[in-house]
């Protein structure tokens, strides 16, 4: 008896939990950030997934503004030396980005599945000349 699975209706939550976009029970990751080859529950092949640099871009974009605000506050309030920023601000920025990478990657992969995203193609016939009916004008 085959079990039927229904794709998630909330790819953001399913992805942030690191679950399979089809059955919501299997694991999406094999390790910290490496995608598993397939779901161990429903067998969905994760070969369709290619989040590329999207998670890193979003993580850095989300973390950069608060990190900069903190660094400026720290500088204007306490006027620390540069090495203090290297010990405080840089690790906070890196930690914040790393914490966000996994949930953002899961969200993007589940969104690709949910929206049936595919590799882009170029339609080479878009510039084909119009057909003539034999009339010169």
C-alpha atoms as a PDB file:
ATOM      1  CA  UNK A   1       0.000   0.000   0.000  1.00  0.00           C
ATOM      2  CA  UNK A   2       1.623   3.235  -1.184  1.00  0.00           C
ATOM      3  CA  UNK A   3       1.483   6.199   1.150  1.00  0.00           C
ATOM      4  CA  UNK A   4       0.461   9.492  -0.441  1.00  0.00           C
ATOM      5  CA  UNK A   5       2.337  12.658   0.400  1.00  0.00           C
ATOM      6  CA  UNK A   6       1.161  16.208  -0.042  1.00  0.00           C
ATOM      7  CA  UNK A   7       3.639  19.010  -0.646  1.00  0.00           C
ATOM      8  CA  UNK A   8       3.915  21.597   2.074  1.00  0.00           C
ATOM      9  CA  UNK A   9       1.699  24.645   1.868  1.00  0.00           C
ATOM     10  CA  UNK A  10       4.191  26.622   3.972  1.00  0.00           C
ATOM     11  CA  UNK A  11       7.647  26.198   2.410  1.00  0.00           C
ATOM     12  CA  UNK A  12       9.211  28.798   4.722  1.00  0.00           C
ATOM     13  CA  UNK A  13       8.316  26.944   7.933  1.00  0.00           C
ATOM     14  CA  UNK A  14       9.055  23.495   6.503  1.00  0.00           C
ATOM     15  CA  UNK A  15      12.421  24.658   5.166  1.00  0.00           C
ATOM     16  CA  UNK A  16      13.423  26.451   8.338  1.00  0.00           C
ATOM     17  CA  UNK A  17      12.731  23.251  10.257  1.00  0.00           C
ATOM     18  CA  UNK A  18      14.981  21.399   7.785  1.00  0.00           C
ATOM     19  CA  UNK A  19      12.245  18.997   6.678  1.00  0.00           C
ATOM     20  CA  UNK A  20      11.407  17.422   3.330  1.00  0.00           C
ATOM     21  CA  UNK A  21       9.145  19.671   1.227  1.00  0.00           C
ATOM     22  CA  UNK A  22       6.988  16.725   0.142  1.00  0.00           C
ATOM     23  CA  UNK A  23       6.361  14.716   3.330  1.00  0.00           C
ATOM     24  CA  UNK A  24       7.514  17.163   6.049  1.00  0.00           C
ATOM     25  CA  UNK A  25       8.964  14.226   7.997  1.00  0.00           C
ATOM     26  CA  UNK A  26      12.289  13.427   6.352  1.00  0.00           C
ATOM     27  CA  UNK A  27      15.424  15.444   6.865  1.00  0.00           C
ATOM     28  CA  UNK A  28      16.562  17.958   4.270  1.00  0.00           C
ATOM     29  CA  UNK A  29      20.165  18.160   5.461  1.00  0.00           C
ATOM     30  CA  UNK A  30      22.984  15.670   5.831  1.00  0.00           C
ATOM     31  CA  UNK A  31      25.172  17.615   8.227  1.00  0.00           C
ATOM     32  CA  UNK A  32      25.149  21.318   8.990  1.00  0.00           C
ATOM     33  CA  UNK A  33      24.669  22.773   5.500  1.00  0.00           C
ATOM     34  CA  UNK A  34      25.021  19.853   3.074  1.00  0.00           C
ATOM     35  CA  UNK A  35      21.770  18.755   1.460  1.00  0.00           C
ATOM     36  CA  UNK A  36      20.936  15.090   1.781  1.00  0.00           C
ATOM     37  CA  UNK A  37      20.751  13.227  -1.552  1.00  0.00           C
ATOM     38  CA  UNK A  38      17.099  12.262  -0.938  1.00  0.00           C
ATOM     39  CA  UNK A  39      14.447  12.086   1.751  1.00  0.00           C
ATOM     40  CA  UNK A  40      14.767   8.980   3.919  1.00  0.00           C
ATOM     41  CA  UNK A  41      10.984   8.844   4.430  1.00  0.00           C
ATOM     42  CA  UNK A  42       9.366   9.479   1.023  1.00  0.00           C
ATOM     43  CA  UNK A  43      12.403   9.104  -1.241  1.00  0.00           C
ATOM     44  CA  UNK A  44      12.162  12.571  -2.849  1.00  0.00           C
ATOM     45  CA  UNK A  45      15.379  13.215  -4.775  1.00  0.00           C
ATOM     46  CA  UNK A  46      16.798  16.608  -3.772  1.00  0.00           C
ATOM     47  CA  UNK A  47      18.668  16.893  -7.078  1.00  0.00           C
ATOM     48  CA  UNK A  48      16.287  19.673  -8.144  1.00  0.00           C
ATOM     49  CA  UNK A  49      17.558  21.934  -5.372  1.00  0.00           C
ATOM     50  CA  UNK A  50      20.102  24.606  -6.174  1.00  0.00           C
ATOM     51  CA  UNK A  51      19.927  27.503  -3.728  1.00  0.00           C
ATOM     52  CA  UNK A  52      23.366  28.708  -4.952  1.00  0.00           C
ATOM     53  CA  UNK A  53      24.484  31.826  -3.051  1.00  0.00           C
ATOM     54  CA  UNK A  54      20.976  32.899  -2.064  1.00  0.00           C
ATOM     55  CA  UNK A  55      21.211  31.843   1.595  1.00  0.00           C
ATOM     56  CA  UNK A  56      24.567  33.583   2.066  1.00  0.00           C
ATOM     57  CA  UNK A  57      23.269  36.763   0.417  1.00  0.00           C
ATOM     58  CA  UNK A  58      20.158  36.872   2.597  1.00  0.00           C
ATOM     59  CA  UNK A  59      22.080  36.012   5.775  1.00  0.00           C
ATOM     60  CA  UNK A  60      24.654  38.735   5.225  1.00  0.00           C
ATOM     61  CA  UNK A  61      21.969  41.243   4.241  1.00  0.00           C
ATOM     62  CA  UNK A  62      19.966  40.518   7.384  1.00  0.00           C
ATOM     63  CA  UNK A  63      22.980  40.551   9.722  1.00  0.00           C
ATOM     64  CA  UNK A  64      24.925  43.445   8.182  1.00  0.00           C
ATOM     65  CA  UNK A  65      22.670  46.309   9.306  1.00  0.00           C
ATOM     66  CA  UNK A  66      22.434  45.334  13.005  1.00  0.00           C
ATOM     67  CA  UNK A  67      26.159  44.468  13.036  1.00  0.00           C
ATOM     68  CA  UNK A  68      27.062  47.850  11.603  1.00  0.00           C
ATOM     69  CA  UNK A  69      24.730  49.598  14.047  1.00  0.00           C
ATOM     70  CA  UNK A  70      26.346  47.713  16.943  1.00  0.00           C
ATOM     71  CA  UNK A  71      29.863  48.511  15.719  1.00  0.00           C
ATOM     72  CA  UNK A  72      29.024  52.202  15.407  1.00  0.00           C
ATOM     73  CA  UNK A  73      27.365  52.277  18.833  1.00  0.00           C
ATOM     74  CA  UNK A  74      30.391  50.530  20.368  1.00  0.00           C
ATOM     75  CA  UNK A  75      32.795  52.940  18.662  1.00  0.00           C
ATOM     76  CA  UNK A  76      30.982  56.147  19.588  1.00  0.00           C
ATOM     77  CA  UNK A  77      30.122  55.047  23.125  1.00  0.00           C
ATOM     78  CA  UNK A  78      33.409  53.475  24.274  1.00  0.00           C
ATOM     79  CA  UNK A  79      35.928  54.379  21.545  1.00  0.00           C
ATOM     80  CA  UNK A  80      37.621  50.967  21.706  1.00  0.00           C
ATOM     81  CA  UNK A  81      40.774  50.105  19.811  1.00  0.00           C
ATOM     82  CA  UNK A  82      40.538  48.240  16.522  1.00  0.00           C
ATOM     83  CA  UNK A  83      41.466  44.906  18.102  1.00  0.00           C
ATOM     84  CA  UNK A  84      38.360  45.121  20.318  1.00  0.00           C
ATOM     85  CA  UNK A  85      36.181  45.308  17.211  1.00  0.00           C
ATOM     86  CA  UNK A  86      38.044  42.291  15.843  1.00  0.00           C
ATOM     87  CA  UNK A  87      37.289  40.393  19.056  1.00  0.00           C
ATOM     88  CA  UNK A  88      33.652  41.497  19.437  1.00  0.00           C
ATOM     89  CA  UNK A  89      32.033  42.776  16.239  1.00  0.00           C
ATOM     90  CA  UNK A  90      33.544  40.365  13.702  1.00  0.00           C
ATOM     91  CA  UNK A  91      32.657  37.177  15.642  1.00  0.00           C
ATOM     92  CA  UNK A  92      29.110  38.449  16.261  1.00  0.00           C
ATOM     93  CA  UNK A  93      28.691  39.150  12.549  1.00  0.00           C
ATOM     94  CA  UNK A  94      30.036  35.727  11.557  1.00  0.00           C
ATOM     95  CA  UNK A  95      27.961  33.906  14.189  1.00  0.00           C
ATOM     96  CA  UNK A  96      24.783  35.722  13.169  1.00  0.00           C
ATOM     97  CA  UNK A  97      25.339  34.838   9.522  1.00  0.00           C
ATOM     98  CA  UNK A  98      26.132  31.194  10.232  1.00  0.00           C
ATOM     99  CA  UNK A  99      23.071  30.792  12.454  1.00  0.00           C
ATOM    100  CA  UNK A 100      20.832  32.017   9.610  1.00  0.00           C
ATOM    101  CA  UNK A 101      22.415  29.973   6.787  1.00  0.00           C
ATOM    102  CA  UNK A 102      20.738  26.628   7.491  1.00  0.00           C
ATOM    103  CA  UNK A 103      17.144  27.890   7.917  1.00  0.00           C
ATOM    104  CA  UNK A 104      17.466  30.180   4.901  1.00  0.00           C
ATOM    105  CA  UNK A 105      18.883  27.372   2.738  1.00  0.00           C
ATOM    106  CA  UNK A 106      16.057  25.069   3.818  1.00  0.00           C
ATOM    107  CA  UNK A 107      13.492  27.760   3.024  1.00  0.00           C
ATOM    108  CA  UNK A 108      14.925  28.361  -0.460  1.00  0.00           C
ATOM    109  CA  UNK A 109      15.057  24.631  -1.280  1.00  0.00           C
ATOM    110  CA  UNK A 110      11.470  24.083  -0.109  1.00  0.00           C
ATOM    111  CA  UNK A 111      10.351  27.150  -2.051  1.00  0.00           C
ATOM    112  CA  UNK A 112      11.972  25.758  -5.199  1.00  0.00           C
ATOM    113  CA  UNK A 113      10.016  22.528  -4.758  1.00  0.00           C
ATOM    114  CA  UNK A 114       6.756  24.287  -3.849  1.00  0.00           C
ATOM    115  CA  UNK A 115       6.899  26.677  -6.813  1.00  0.00           C
ATOM    116  CA  UNK A 116       8.243  23.999  -9.198  1.00  0.00           C
ATOM    117  CA  UNK A 117      11.286  26.130 -10.048  1.00  0.00           C
ATOM    118  CA  UNK A 118      13.327  24.888 -12.989  1.00  0.00           C
ATOM    119  CA  UNK A 119      16.540  25.794 -14.731  1.00  0.00           C
ATOM    120  CA  UNK A 120      16.033  28.747 -17.070  1.00  0.00           C
ATOM    121  CA  UNK A 121      16.161  28.189 -20.810  1.00  0.00           C
ATOM    122  CA  UNK A 122      16.676  30.478 -23.743  1.00  0.00           C
ATOM    123  CA  UNK A 123      13.955  30.450 -26.372  1.00  0.00           C
ATOM    124  CA  UNK A 124      15.893  30.766 -29.608  1.00  0.00           C
ATOM    125  CA  UNK A 125      12.789  31.332 -31.799  1.00  0.00           C
ATOM    126  CA  UNK A 126      11.797  34.679 -30.305  1.00  0.00           C
ATOM    127  CA  UNK A 127      13.569  36.666 -33.020  1.00  0.00           C
ATOM    128  CA  UNK A 128      12.470  34.588 -36.013  1.00  0.00           C
ATOM    129  CA  UNK A 129      11.312  36.741 -38.947  1.00  0.00           C
ATOM    130  CA  UNK A 130       7.591  36.952 -39.582  1.00  0.00           C
ATOM    131  CA  UNK A 131       6.217  34.741 -42.341  1.00  0.00           C
ATOM    132  CA  UNK A 132       5.493  36.498 -45.623  1.00  0.00           C
ATOM    133  CA  UNK A 133       2.492  35.712 -47.768  1.00  0.00           C
ATOM    134  CA  UNK A 134       4.321  36.542 -51.021  1.00  0.00           C
ATOM    135  CA  UNK A 135       3.194  40.167 -51.100  1.00  0.00           C
ATOM    136  CA  UNK A 136       6.169  42.572 -51.416  1.00  0.00           C
ATOM    137  CA  UNK A 137       4.451  45.092 -49.106  1.00  0.00           C
END
